[in-house]
Amino acid sequence: MDRRRLLQLAGAFLAAGSAPGALFAQTTQMTMVVPFPPGGGGDILARTVSLPFSEALREIVVIFNRPGAGGNIGTGQGVKSQPDGTTIGYVTNGIMCVNPYLYDRQSFDPLKDLTPVAGLTSIGLVLAVSPKALPDVHTAADLVKHAQARPGETAFASAGPGTTSHLAGILLESEAKLDLNHIPHAGGAAAVKEVLAGRVPFLIDVMPNLKAGTLRALAVTTPSRSALLPEVPTMAEAGLPGVTLYAWDGIAAPKGLSDADVDRFAKAARAALSDKAVRDRLLRMGAEPQFRGPADFRQFIEAEAAKWRPLALMARAQR
């Protein structure tokens, strides 16, 4: 990637990102709707990919943050956009596979009203405990034994009702036949803070803090061990094979986008994920680059919906 071109794009990207209506007349532009707050995990992942994505397209990609309702508000806005190749949306497993079953009313059907364009990354989760709260818990089996002896008392933190960290806790509770106490928070950072302080014993989430040794990692939820935490066993290795799931993200467009534009955007996404600097940064954030083309991404979403649906319904019943 040419450094001068990259810096030009970065400057335009930042300027446009701070003022979505500010357009550069000499440059073709498009909008990427990110349905999460600026600075959050989803926003950072989207921005990491959007710059090389824009370079591959030779267009300025303007990030427009429209958070609310677990991503439904921003995604709903994207659904209503014209399928003319000027708007795409950043989507996640929550938006595509959880929200349809979690919310009573939803103005759109993700697979009927959106065109899957490309899968971007897979994001493994980590079961981690606070040494302050659970000094004697060193394995997943230890945690299960501790919780079984205290039904209804052992708490886990989450980033909020219906989030991936909440659903992961529900899955652990179901598979290990536990009675856990869910403590939701306003975002992942707040949940991690409470576990770090020892006020909540554990959580299942993506946490850079683990590398600093401030929390004790017991198991990862991915099918195989994580390159970031190679010493940490999988849930299957820890005796909980049913607790296997991971978050993921991608891009989608309004229904009716032309095949030519779908193909063009998918190729740009593949090129973005092929950039070594981008891949390295994503991996440092715990996100494994995993490109899926339009047809594969649609099939993947359909298969994932069957996995997330029962968890979403259980989360809904707890509200």
C-alpha atoms as a PDB file:
ATOM      1  CA  MET A   1       0.000   0.000   0.000  1.00  0.00           C
ATOM      2  CA  ASP A   2       1.454   3.398  -1.043  1.00  0.00           C
ATOM      3  CA  ARG A   3       2.234   5.425   2.102  1.00  0.00           C
ATOM      4  CA  ARG A   4       1.275   8.788   0.604  1.00  0.00           C
ATOM      5  CA  ARG A   5      -2.052   7.395  -0.628  1.00  0.00           C
ATOM      6  CA  LEU A   6      -2.677   5.817   2.778  1.00  0.00           C
ATOM      7  CA  LEU A   7      -2.053   9.115   4.572  1.00  0.00           C
ATOM      8  CA  GLN A   8      -4.329  10.967   2.172  1.00  0.00           C
ATOM      9  CA  LEU A   9      -7.084   8.455   2.760  1.00  0.00           C
ATOM     10  CA  ALA A  10      -6.533   8.553   6.511  1.00  0.00           C
ATOM     11  CA  GLY A  11      -6.857  12.333   6.588  1.00  0.00           C
ATOM     12  CA  ALA A  12      -9.997  12.308   4.505  1.00  0.00           C
ATOM     13  CA  PHE A  13     -11.375   9.375   6.501  1.00  0.00           C
ATOM     14  CA  LEU A  14     -10.904  11.168   9.821  1.00  0.00           C
ATOM     15  CA  ALA A  15     -12.350  14.401   8.527  1.00  0.00           C
ATOM     16  CA  ALA A  16     -15.367  12.696   7.029  1.00  0.00           C
ATOM     17  CA  GLY A  17     -15.789  10.469  10.069  1.00  0.00           C
ATOM     18  CA  SER A  18     -16.129  13.520  12.320  1.00  0.00           C
ATOM     19  CA  ALA A  19     -18.651  15.124   9.976  1.00  0.00           C
ATOM     20  CA  PRO A  20     -20.600  12.532   7.954  1.00  0.00           C
ATOM     21  CA  GLY A  21     -21.962  15.188   5.617  1.00  0.00           C
ATOM     22  CA  ALA A  22     -18.567  16.601   4.659  1.00  0.00           C
ATOM     23  CA  LEU A  23     -17.882  15.272   1.147  1.00  0.00           C
ATOM     24  CA  PHE A  24     -14.784  15.527  -0.983  1.00  0.00           C
ATOM     25  CA  ALA A  25     -15.962  16.606  -4.407  1.00  0.00           C
ATOM     26  CA  GLN A  26     -12.942  15.193  -6.207  1.00  0.00           C
ATOM     27  CA  THR A  27     -13.239  11.736  -4.631  1.00  0.00           C
ATOM     28  CA  THR A  28     -15.872   9.026  -4.908  1.00  0.00           C
ATOM     29  CA  GLN A  29     -17.301   8.263  -1.479  1.00  0.00           C
ATOM     30  CA  MET A  30     -19.426   5.715   0.258  1.00  0.00           C
ATOM     31  CA  THR A  31     -20.735   5.331   3.804  1.00  0.00           C
ATOM     32  CA  MET A  32     -20.130   2.437   6.163  1.00  0.00           C
ATOM     33  CA  VAL A  33     -22.800   2.440   8.871  1.00  0.00           C
ATOM     34  CA  VAL A  34     -21.331   1.134  12.130  1.00  0.00           C
ATOM     35  CA  PRO A  35     -24.234   0.515  14.539  1.00  0.00           C
ATOM     36  CA  PHE A  36     -22.076   0.850  17.658  1.00  0.00           C
ATOM     37  CA  PRO A  37     -20.615   3.787  19.626  1.00  0.00           C
ATOM     38  CA  PRO A  38     -17.295   5.348  18.588  1.00  0.00           C
ATOM     39  CA  GLY A  39     -14.329   3.810  20.389  1.00  0.00           C
ATOM     40  CA  GLY A  40     -16.045   0.531  21.211  1.00  0.00           C
ATOM     41  CA  GLY A  41     -14.810  -2.885  20.118  1.00  0.00           C
ATOM     42  CA  GLY A  42     -17.035  -3.110  17.041  1.00  0.00           C
ATOM     43  CA  ASP A  43     -16.166   0.420  15.970  1.00  0.00           C
ATOM     44  CA  ILE A  44     -12.425  -0.238  16.274  1.00  0.00           C
ATOM     45  CA  LEU A  45     -12.680  -3.456  14.264  1.00  0.00           C
ATOM     46  CA  ALA A  46     -14.701  -1.730  11.548  1.00  0.00           C
ATOM     47  CA  ARG A  47     -12.261   1.176  11.317  1.00  0.00           C
ATOM     48  CA  THR A  48      -9.278  -1.175  11.204  1.00  0.00           C
ATOM     49  CA  VAL A  49     -10.656  -2.804   8.062  1.00  0.00           C
ATOM     50  CA  SER A  50     -12.283   0.252   6.493  1.00  0.00           C
ATOM     51  CA  LEU A  51      -9.076   2.094   5.568  1.00  0.00           C
ATOM     52  CA  PRO A  52      -7.480  -0.701   3.476  1.00  0.00           C
ATOM     53  CA  PHE A  53     -10.980  -1.499   2.195  1.00  0.00           C
ATOM     54  CA  SER A  54     -11.248   2.071   0.902  1.00  0.00           C
ATOM     55  CA  GLU A  55      -7.772   1.818  -0.617  1.00  0.00           C
ATOM     56  CA  ALA A  56      -8.774  -1.315  -2.526  1.00  0.00           C
ATOM     57  CA  LEU A  57     -11.932   0.406  -3.788  1.00  0.00           C
ATOM     58  CA  ARG A  58     -10.136   3.696  -4.464  1.00  0.00           C
ATOM     59  CA  GLU A  59     -13.011   5.437  -2.696  1.00  0.00           C
ATOM     60  CA  ILE A  60     -13.252   7.312   0.579  1.00  0.00           C
ATOM     61  CA  VAL A  61     -15.212   5.225   3.080  1.00  0.00           C
ATOM     62  CA  VAL A  62     -16.968   7.430   5.621  1.00  0.00           C
ATOM     63  CA  ILE A  63     -17.689   5.775   8.975  1.00  0.00           C
ATOM     64  CA  PHE A  64     -21.082   6.770  10.333  1.00  0.00           C
ATOM     65  CA  ASN A  65     -21.746   5.583  13.900  1.00  0.00           C
ATOM     66  CA  ARG A  66     -25.429   4.997  14.659  1.00  0.00           C
ATOM     67  CA  PRO A  67     -25.630   3.002  17.915  1.00  0.00           C
ATOM     68  CA  GLY A  68     -28.665   1.727  19.798  1.00  0.00           C
ATOM     69  CA  ALA A  69     -30.796  -1.370  20.440  1.00  0.00           C
ATOM     70  CA  GLY A  70     -27.923  -3.805  20.115  1.00  0.00           C
ATOM     71  CA  GLY A  71     -27.106  -2.568  16.625  1.00  0.00           C
ATOM     72  CA  ASN A  72     -30.681  -2.592  15.326  1.00  0.00           C
ATOM     73  CA  ILE A  73     -31.011   1.179  14.917  1.00  0.00           C
ATOM     74  CA  GLY A  74     -27.977   1.655  12.706  1.00  0.00           C
ATOM     75  CA  THR A  75     -28.597  -1.532  10.757  1.00  0.00           C
ATOM     76  CA  GLY A  76     -32.223  -0.529  10.226  1.00  0.00           C
ATOM     77  CA  GLN A  77     -31.022   2.749   8.774  1.00  0.00           C
ATOM     78  CA  GLY A  78     -28.727   0.866   6.423  1.00  0.00           C
ATOM     79  CA  VAL A  79     -31.598  -1.386   5.350  1.00  0.00           C
ATOM     80  CA  LYS A  80     -33.574   1.689   4.251  1.00  0.00           C
ATOM     81  CA  SER A  81     -30.691   3.038   2.145  1.00  0.00           C
ATOM     82  CA  GLN A  82     -30.766   2.835  -1.614  1.00  0.00           C
ATOM     83  CA  PRO A  83     -28.961  -0.254  -3.000  1.00  0.00           C
ATOM     84  CA  ASP A  84     -26.850   1.924  -5.245  1.00  0.00           C
ATOM     85  CA  GLY A  85     -23.411   1.007  -3.924  1.00  0.00           C
ATOM     86  CA  THR A  86     -23.010   4.097  -1.746  1.00  0.00           C
ATOM     87  CA  THR A  87     -23.917   2.490   1.609  1.00  0.00           C
ATOM     88  CA  ILE A  88     -22.762  -0.664   3.356  1.00  0.00           C
ATOM     89  CA  GLY A  89     -23.138  -1.780   6.940  1.00  0.00           C
ATOM     90  CA  TYR A  90     -20.902  -3.393   9.523  1.00  0.00           C
ATOM     91  CA  VAL A  91     -22.719  -6.430  10.968  1.00  0.00           C
ATOM     92  CA  THR A  92     -22.090  -8.963  13.723  1.00  0.00           C
ATOM     93  CA  ASN A  93     -23.418 -12.287  14.962  1.00  0.00           C
ATOM     94  CA  GLY A  94     -25.604 -10.297  17.359  1.00  0.00           C
ATOM     95  CA  ILE A  95     -27.238  -8.281  14.604  1.00  0.00           C
ATOM     96  CA  MET A  96     -27.696 -11.168  12.182  1.00  0.00           C
ATOM     97  CA  CYS A  97     -28.438 -14.119  14.487  1.00  0.00           C
ATOM     98  CA  VAL A  98     -29.359 -12.926  17.984  1.00  0.00           C
ATOM     99  CA  ASN A  99     -31.447  -9.770  17.747  1.00  0.00           C
ATOM    100  CA  PRO A 100     -34.242 -11.329  15.619  1.00  0.00           C
ATOM    101  CA  TYR A 101     -35.032 -13.630  18.563  1.00  0.00           C
ATOM    102  CA  LEU A 102     -34.120 -11.279  21.395  1.00  0.00           C
ATOM    103  CA  TYR A 103     -36.281  -8.271  20.531  1.00  0.00           C
ATOM    104  CA  ASP A 104     -40.077  -8.275  20.447  1.00  0.00           C
ATOM    105  CA  ARG A 105     -40.242  -5.937  17.491  1.00  0.00           C
ATOM    106  CA  GLN A 106     -37.721  -5.504  14.739  1.00  0.00           C
ATOM    107  CA  SER A 107     -38.251  -3.413  11.623  1.00  0.00           C
ATOM    108  CA  PHE A 108     -36.225  -5.682   9.359  1.00  0.00           C
ATOM    109  CA  ASP A 109     -35.274  -9.296   8.752  1.00  0.00           C
ATOM    110  CA  PRO A 110     -31.460  -9.498   8.480  1.00  0.00           C
ATOM    111  CA  LEU A 111     -31.282 -12.173   5.813  1.00  0.00           C
ATOM    112  CA  LYS A 112     -34.300 -10.978   3.836  1.00  0.00           C
ATOM    113  CA  ASP A 113     -33.532  -7.276   3.895  1.00  0.00           C
ATOM    114  CA  LEU A 114     -29.727  -7.327   3.737  1.00  0.00           C
ATOM    115  CA  THR A 115     -27.277  -8.680   1.189  1.00  0.00           C
ATOM    116  CA  PRO A 116     -24.338 -10.467   2.857  1.00  0.00           C
ATOM    117  CA  VAL A 117     -21.158  -9.191   1.228  1.00  0.00           C
ATOM    118  CA  ALA A 118     -18.196 -10.568   3.180  1.00  0.00           C
ATOM    119  CA  GLY A 119     -17.292 -12.167   6.477  1.00  0.00           C
ATOM    120  CA  LEU A 120     -14.314 -10.465   8.107  1.00  0.00           C
ATOM    121  CA  THR A 121     -13.162 -12.016  11.388  1.00  0.00           C
ATOM    122  CA  SER A 122     -13.877 -14.621  14.040  1.00  0.00           C
ATOM    123  CA  ILE A 123     -13.499 -13.503  17.644  1.00  0.00           C
ATOM    124  CA  GLY A 124     -12.844 -16.113  20.305  1.00  0.00           C
ATOM    125  CA  LEU A 125     -13.946 -15.686  23.900  1.00  0.00           C
ATOM    126  CA  VAL A 126     -12.131 -16.507  27.104  1.00  0.00           C
ATOM    127  CA  LEU A 127     -13.519 -17.824  30.381  1.00  0.00           C
ATOM    128  CA  ALA A 128     -11.632 -15.845  33.019  1.00  0.00           C
ATOM    129  CA  VAL A 129     -11.888 -15.462  36.774  1.00  0.00           C
ATOM    130  CA  SER A 130     -10.753 -12.848  39.248  1.00  0.00           C
ATOM    131  CA  PRO A 131      -7.984 -14.197  41.512  1.00  0.00           C
ATOM    132  CA  LYS A 132      -9.261 -11.743  44.127  1.00  0.00           C
ATOM    133  CA  ALA A 133     -12.732 -13.282  44.139  1.00  0.00           C
ATOM    134  CA  LEU A 134     -11.837 -16.911  43.415  1.00  0.00           C
ATOM    135  CA  PRO A 135      -8.246 -17.495  44.573  1.00  0.00           C
ATOM    136  CA  ASP A 136      -8.621 -21.278  44.593  1.00  0.00           C
ATOM    137  CA  VAL A 137     -10.182 -21.613  41.133  1.00  0.00           C
ATOM    138  CA  HIS A 138      -7.493 -22.531  38.595  1.00  0.00           C
ATOM    139  CA  THR A 139      -9.418 -24.596  36.019  1.00  0.00           C
ATOM    140  CA  ALA A 140     -12.847 -24.636  34.405  1.00  0.00           C
ATOM    141  CA  ALA A 141     -13.610 -27.767  36.413  1.00  0.00           C
ATOM    142  CA  ASP A 142     -12.770 -25.858  39.609  1.00  0.00           C
ATOM    143  CA  LEU A 143     -15.202 -23.111  38.624  1.00  0.00           C
ATOM    144  CA  VAL A 144     -17.977 -25.596  37.840  1.00  0.00           C
ATOM    145  CA  LYS A 145     -17.453 -27.328  41.179  1.00  0.00           C
ATOM    146  CA  HIS A 146     -17.471 -23.967  42.987  1.00  0.00           C
ATOM    147  CA  ALA A 147     -20.712 -22.890  41.298  1.00  0.00           C
ATOM    148  CA  GLN A 148     -22.425 -26.244  41.809  1.00  0.00           C
ATOM    149  CA  ALA A 149     -21.828 -25.917  45.552  1.00  0.00           C
ATOM    150  CA  ARG A 150     -23.406 -22.432  45.547  1.00  0.00           C
ATOM    151  CA  PRO A 151     -26.535 -22.496  43.362  1.00  0.00           C
ATOM    152  CA  GLY A 152     -27.807 -19.037  42.550  1.00  0.00           C
ATOM    153  CA  GLU A 153     -24.871 -17.335  44.256  1.00  0.00           C
ATOM    154  CA  THR A 154     -21.963 -17.452  41.807  1.00  0.00           C
ATOM    155  CA  ALA A 155     -22.170 -14.430  39.521  1.00  0.00           C
ATOM    156  CA  PHE A 156     -20.803 -13.698  36.077  1.00  0.00           C
ATOM    157  CA  ALA A 157     -20.454 -10.320  34.405  1.00  0.00           C
ATOM    158  CA  SER A 158     -21.512  -9.441  30.872  1.00  0.00           C
ATOM    159  CA  ALA A 159     -21.460  -6.461  28.551  1.00  0.00           C
ATOM    160  CA  GLY A 160     -25.250  -6.302  28.840  1.00  0.00           C
ATOM    161  CA  PRO A 161     -28.413  -8.364  28.290  1.00  0.00           C
ATOM    162  CA  GLY A 162     -28.332 -10.287  25.036  1.00  0.00           C
ATOM    163  CA  THR A 163     -24.672  -9.581  24.301  1.00  0.00           C
ATOM    164  CA  THR A 164     -22.304 -12.353  23.279  1.00  0.00           C
ATOM    165  CA  SER A 165     -20.762 -12.424  26.756  1.00  0.00           C
ATOM    166  CA  HIS A 166     -24.218 -12.889  28.267  1.00  0.00           C
ATOM    167  CA  LEU A 167     -25.125 -15.681  25.849  1.00  0.00           C
ATOM    168  CA  ALA A 168     -21.786 -17.396  26.521  1.00  0.00           C
ATOM    169  CA  GLY A 169     -22.634 -17.386  30.229  1.00  0.00           C
ATOM    170  CA  ILE A 170     -26.056 -18.854  29.472  1.00  0.00           C
ATOM    171  CA  LEU A 171     -24.409 -21.585  27.396  1.00  0.00           C
ATOM    172  CA  LEU A 172     -21.994 -22.450  30.213  1.00  0.00           C
ATOM    173  CA  GLU A 173     -24.867 -22.478  32.691  1.00  0.00           C
ATOM    174  CA  SER A 174     -26.895 -24.797  30.466  1.00  0.00           C
ATOM    175  CA  GLU A 175     -24.110 -27.218  29.514  1.00  0.00           C
ATOM    176  CA  ALA A 176     -22.671 -27.530  33.042  1.00  0.00           C
ATOM    177  CA  LYS A 177     -26.142 -27.545  34.654  1.00  0.00           C
ATOM    178  CA  LEU A 178     -25.403 -24.570  36.869  1.00  0.00           C
ATOM    179  CA  ASP A 179     -27.549 -21.889  38.485  1.00  0.00           C
ATOM    180  CA  LEU A 180     -25.600 -18.670  37.931  1.00  0.00           C
ATOM    181  CA  ASN A 181     -26.352 -15.051  38.767  1.00  0.00           C
ATOM    182  CA  HIS A 182     -26.053 -12.790  35.717  1.00  0.00           C
ATOM    183  CA  ILE A 183     -24.743  -9.267  36.393  1.00  0.00           C
ATOM    184  CA  PRO A 184     -25.124  -7.126  33.228  1.00  0.00           C
ATOM    185  CA  HIS A 185     -23.056  -3.985  32.657  1.00  0.00           C
ATOM    186  CA  ALA A 186     -23.070  -1.068  30.267  1.00  0.00           C
ATOM    187  CA  GLY A 187     -20.472  -2.477  27.902  1.00  0.00           C
ATOM    188  CA  GLY A 188     -17.536  -4.857  27.987  1.00  0.00           C
ATOM    189  CA  ALA A 189     -15.103  -2.399  29.576  1.00  0.00           C
ATOM    190  CA  ALA A 190     -17.374  -1.940  32.585  1.00  0.00           C
ATOM    191  CA  ALA A 191     -17.813  -5.709  32.961  1.00  0.00           C
ATOM    192  CA  VAL A 192     -14.060  -6.316  32.846  1.00  0.00           C
ATOM    193  CA  LYS A 193     -13.506  -3.556  35.412  1.00  0.00           C
ATOM    194  CA  GLU A 194     -15.847  -5.229  37.888  1.00  0.00           C
ATOM    195  CA  VAL A 195     -14.159  -8.611  37.500  1.00  0.00           C
ATOM    196  CA  LEU A 196     -10.708  -7.048  37.779  1.00  0.00           C
ATOM    197  CA  ALA A 197     -11.788  -5.488  41.064  1.00  0.00           C
ATOM    198  CA  GLY A 198     -13.107  -8.823  42.307  1.00  0.00           C
ATOM    199  CA  ARG A 199     -16.647  -7.548  42.721  1.00  0.00           C
ATOM    200  CA  VAL A 200     -17.899 -10.126  40.198  1.00  0.00           C
ATOM    201  CA  PRO A 201     -16.116 -13.514  40.139  1.00  0.00           C
ATOM    202  CA  PHE A 202     -15.880 -14.236  36.407  1.00  0.00           C
ATOM    203  CA  LEU A 203     -16.924 -13.516  32.856  1.00  0.00           C
ATOM    204  CA  ILE A 204     -16.597 -14.952  29.350  1.00  0.00           C
ATOM    205  CA  ASP A 205     -15.442 -12.302  26.909  1.00  0.00           C
ATOM    206  CA  VAL A 206     -12.576 -11.002  24.775  1.00  0.00           C
ATOM    207  CA  MET A 207     -10.109  -9.387  27.156  1.00  0.00           C
ATOM    208  CA  PRO A 208      -6.686  -7.916  26.331  1.00  0.00           C
ATOM    209  CA  ASN A 209      -6.181  -7.654  30.118  1.00  0.00           C
ATOM    210  CA  LEU A 210      -5.442 -11.367  30.198  1.00  0.00           C
ATOM    211  CA  LYS A 211      -2.051 -10.842  28.589  1.00  0.00           C
ATOM    212  CA  ALA A 212      -1.061  -8.689  31.557  1.00  0.00           C
ATOM    213  CA  GLY A 213      -1.962 -11.491  33.930  1.00  0.00           C
ATOM    214  CA  THR A 214      -4.537  -9.458  35.826  1.00  0.00           C
ATOM    215  CA  LEU A 215      -7.221 -12.099  35.279  1.00  0.00           C
ATOM    216  CA  ARG A 216      -6.823 -15.859  35.299  1.00  0.00           C
ATOM    217  CA  ALA A 217      -7.740 -17.460  31.965  1.00  0.00           C
ATOM    218  CA  LEU A 218      -9.303 -20.897  32.375  1.00  0.00           C
ATOM    219  CA  ALA A 219     -10.440 -21.841  28.874  1.00  0.00           C
ATOM    220  CA  VAL A 220     -11.165 -20.454  25.413  1.00  0.00           C
ATOM    221  CA  THR A 221     -14.470 -21.037  23.667  1.00  0.00           C
ATOM    222  CA  THR A 222     -13.012 -21.633  20.203  1.00  0.00           C
ATOM    223  CA  PRO A 223     -12.760 -25.116  18.641  1.00  0.00           C
ATOM    224  CA  SER A 224      -8.943 -24.936  18.812  1.00  0.00           C
ATOM    225  CA  ARG A 225      -6.501 -23.083  21.049  1.00  0.00           C
ATOM    226  CA  SER A 226      -5.907 -19.390  20.490  1.00  0.00           C
ATOM    227  CA  ALA A 227      -2.606 -18.154  19.094  1.00  0.00           C
ATOM    228  CA  LEU A 228      -2.837 -15.311  21.607  1.00  0.00           C
ATOM    229  CA  LEU A 229      -3.214 -17.690  24.560  1.00  0.00           C
ATOM    230  CA  PRO A 230      -1.689 -20.986  23.403  1.00  0.00           C
ATOM    231  CA  GLU A 231      -1.246 -22.210  26.971  1.00  0.00           C
ATOM    232  CA  VAL A 232      -4.981 -21.929  27.728  1.00  0.00           C
ATOM    233  CA  PRO A 233      -7.068 -25.058  26.966  1.00  0.00           C
ATOM    234  CA  THR A 234     -10.251 -25.051  24.938  1.00  0.00           C
ATOM    235  CA  MET A 235     -13.564 -25.629  26.674  1.00  0.00           C
ATOM    236  CA  ALA A 236     -13.627 -29.080  25.102  1.00  0.00           C
ATOM    237  CA  GLU A 237     -10.222 -29.884  26.584  1.00  0.00           C
ATOM    238  CA  ALA A 238     -11.488 -28.574  29.914  1.00  0.00           C
ATOM    239  CA  GLY A 239     -14.370 -31.045  29.862  1.00  0.00           C
ATOM    240  CA  LEU A 240     -17.076 -28.750  28.463  1.00  0.00           C
ATOM    241  CA  PRO A 241     -17.273 -29.568  24.724  1.00  0.00           C
ATOM    242  CA  GLY A 242     -20.723 -28.020  24.430  1.00  0.00           C
ATOM    243  CA  VAL A 243     -19.414 -24.575  25.349  1.00  0.00           C
ATOM    244  CA  THR A 244     -17.952 -23.799  21.936  1.00  0.00           C
ATOM    245  CA  LEU A 245     -18.889 -20.551  20.231  1.00  0.00           C
ATOM    246  CA  TYR A 246     -17.287 -17.373  18.956  1.00  0.00           C
ATOM    247  CA  ALA A 247     -18.334 -13.935  17.855  1.00  0.00           C
ATOM    248  CA  TRP A 248     -17.861 -12.788  14.273  1.00  0.00           C
ATOM    249  CA  ASP A 249     -18.377  -9.786  12.045  1.00  0.00           C
ATOM    250  CA  GLY A 250     -18.708  -8.811   8.418  1.00  0.00           C
ATOM    251  CA  ILE A 251     -20.225  -6.337   6.005  1.00  0.00           C
ATOM    252  CA  ALA A 252     -23.645  -6.331   4.381  1.00  0.00           C
ATOM    253  CA  ALA A 253     -25.526  -4.045   2.023  1.00  0.00           C
ATOM    254  CA  PRO A 254     -29.149  -3.083   1.400  1.00  0.00           C
ATOM    255  CA  LYS A 255     -31.228  -5.685  -0.422  1.00  0.00           C
ATOM    256  CA  GLY A 256     -31.051  -5.294  -4.181  1.00  0.00           C
ATOM    257  CA  LEU A 257     -27.386  -4.340  -4.469  1.00  0.00           C
ATOM    258  CA  SER A 258     -26.135  -5.311  -7.921  1.00  0.00           C
ATOM    259  CA  ASP A 259     -24.026  -8.442  -8.320  1.00  0.00           C
ATOM    260  CA  ALA A 260     -21.233  -6.270  -9.721  1.00  0.00           C
ATOM    261  CA  ASP A 261     -21.122  -4.128  -6.575  1.00  0.00           C
ATOM    262  CA  VAL A 262     -21.342  -7.172  -4.294  1.00  0.00           C
ATOM    263  CA  ASP A 263     -18.389  -8.704  -6.099  1.00  0.00           C
ATOM    264  CA  ARG A 264     -16.452  -5.420  -6.032  1.00  0.00           C
ATOM    265  CA  PHE A 265     -16.949  -4.954  -2.296  1.00  0.00           C
ATOM    266  CA  ALA A 266     -16.133  -8.580  -1.523  1.00  0.00           C
ATOM    267  CA  LYS A 267     -12.850  -8.331  -3.435  1.00  0.00           C
ATOM    268  CA  ALA A 268     -11.985  -5.143  -1.550  1.00  0.00           C
ATOM    269  CA  ALA A 269     -12.696  -6.873   1.777  1.00  0.00           C
ATOM    270  CA  ARG A 270     -10.465  -9.785   0.796  1.00  0.00           C
ATOM    271  CA  ALA A 271      -7.697  -7.362  -0.139  1.00  0.00           C
ATOM    272  CA  ALA A 272      -8.070  -5.519   3.180  1.00  0.00           C
ATOM    273  CA  LEU A 273      -7.722  -8.731   5.160  1.00  0.00           C
ATOM    274  CA  SER A 274      -4.661  -9.691   3.117  1.00  0.00           C
ATOM    275  CA  ASP A 275      -2.766  -6.630   4.337  1.00  0.00           C
ATOM    276  CA  LYS A 276      -0.207  -7.860   6.893  1.00  0.00           C
ATOM    277  CA  ALA A 277      -0.423  -4.751   9.076  1.00  0.00           C
ATOM    278  CA  VAL A 278      -4.201  -5.099   9.235  1.00  0.00           C
ATOM    279  CA  ARG A 279      -4.010  -8.804  10.019  1.00  0.00           C
ATOM    280  CA  ASP A 280      -1.480  -8.218  12.787  1.00  0.00           C
ATOM    281  CA  ARG A 281      -3.574  -5.490  14.364  1.00  0.00           C
ATOM    282  CA  LEU A 282      -6.725  -7.609  14.245  1.00  0.00           C
ATOM    283  CA  LEU A 283      -4.928 -10.548  15.830  1.00  0.00           C
ATOM    284  CA  ARG A 284      -3.671  -8.327  18.642  1.00  0.00           C
ATOM    285  CA  MET A 285      -7.307  -7.483  19.342  1.00  0.00           C
ATOM    286  CA  GLY A 286      -8.224 -11.164  19.481  1.00  0.00           C
ATOM    287  CA  ALA A 287      -9.938 -11.127  16.075  1.00  0.00           C
ATOM    288  CA  GLU A 288      -8.780 -13.745  13.579  1.00  0.00           C
ATOM    289  CA  PRO A 289      -9.072 -12.597   9.947  1.00  0.00           C
ATOM    290  CA  GLN A 290     -11.358 -15.047   8.198  1.00  0.00           C
ATOM    291  CA  PHE A 291     -12.650 -13.901   4.836  1.00  0.00           C
ATOM    292  CA  ARG A 292     -15.913 -15.364   3.577  1.00  0.00           C
ATOM    293  CA  GLY A 293     -17.295 -14.454   0.169  1.00  0.00           C
ATOM    294  CA  PRO A 294     -20.945 -13.495  -0.390  1.00  0.00           C
ATOM    295  CA  ALA A 295     -22.371 -16.999  -0.873  1.00  0.00           C
ATOM    296  CA  ASP A 296     -20.256 -18.549   1.878  1.00  0.00           C
ATOM    297  CA  PHE A 297     -21.113 -15.712   4.246  1.00  0.00           C
ATOM    298  CA  ARG A 298     -24.852 -16.186   3.686  1.00  0.00           C
ATOM    299  CA  GLN A 299     -24.606 -19.937   4.288  1.00  0.00           C
ATOM    300  CA  PHE A 300     -22.484 -19.324   7.358  1.00  0.00           C
ATOM    301  CA  ILE A 301     -25.037 -16.878   8.802  1.00  0.00           C
ATOM    302  CA  GLU A 302     -27.878 -19.332   8.231  1.00  0.00           C
ATOM    303  CA  ALA A 303     -25.962 -22.097  10.020  1.00  0.00           C
ATOM    304  CA  GLU A 304     -24.973 -19.791  12.884  1.00  0.00           C
ATOM    305  CA  ALA A 305     -28.568 -18.653  13.417  1.00  0.00           C
ATOM    306  CA  ALA A 306     -29.502 -22.190  14.454  1.00  0.00           C
ATOM    307  CA  LYS A 307     -26.809 -22.074  17.153  1.00  0.00           C
ATOM    308  CA  TRP A 308     -27.547 -18.616  18.523  1.00  0.00           C
ATOM    309  CA  ARG A 309     -31.366 -18.833  18.433  1.00  0.00           C
ATOM    310  CA  PRO A 310     -31.882 -20.980  21.575  1.00  0.00           C
ATOM    311  CA  LEU A 311     -29.430 -18.853  23.548  1.00  0.00           C
ATOM    312  CA  ALA A 312     -31.168 -15.657  22.468  1.00  0.00           C
ATOM    313  CA  LEU A 313     -34.542 -17.077  23.472  1.00  0.00           C
ATOM    314  CA  MET A 314     -33.185 -18.012  26.906  1.00  0.00           C
ATOM    315  CA  ALA A 315     -31.772 -14.504  27.315  1.00  0.00           C
ATOM    316  CA  ARG A 316     -35.138 -13.058  26.309  1.00  0.00           C
ATOM    317  CA  ALA A 317     -36.906 -15.217  28.893  1.00  0.00           C
ATOM    318  CA  GLN A 318     -34.628 -13.838  31.612  1.00  0.00           C
ATOM    319  CA  ARG A 319     -35.529 -10.208  30.913  1.00  0.00           C
END
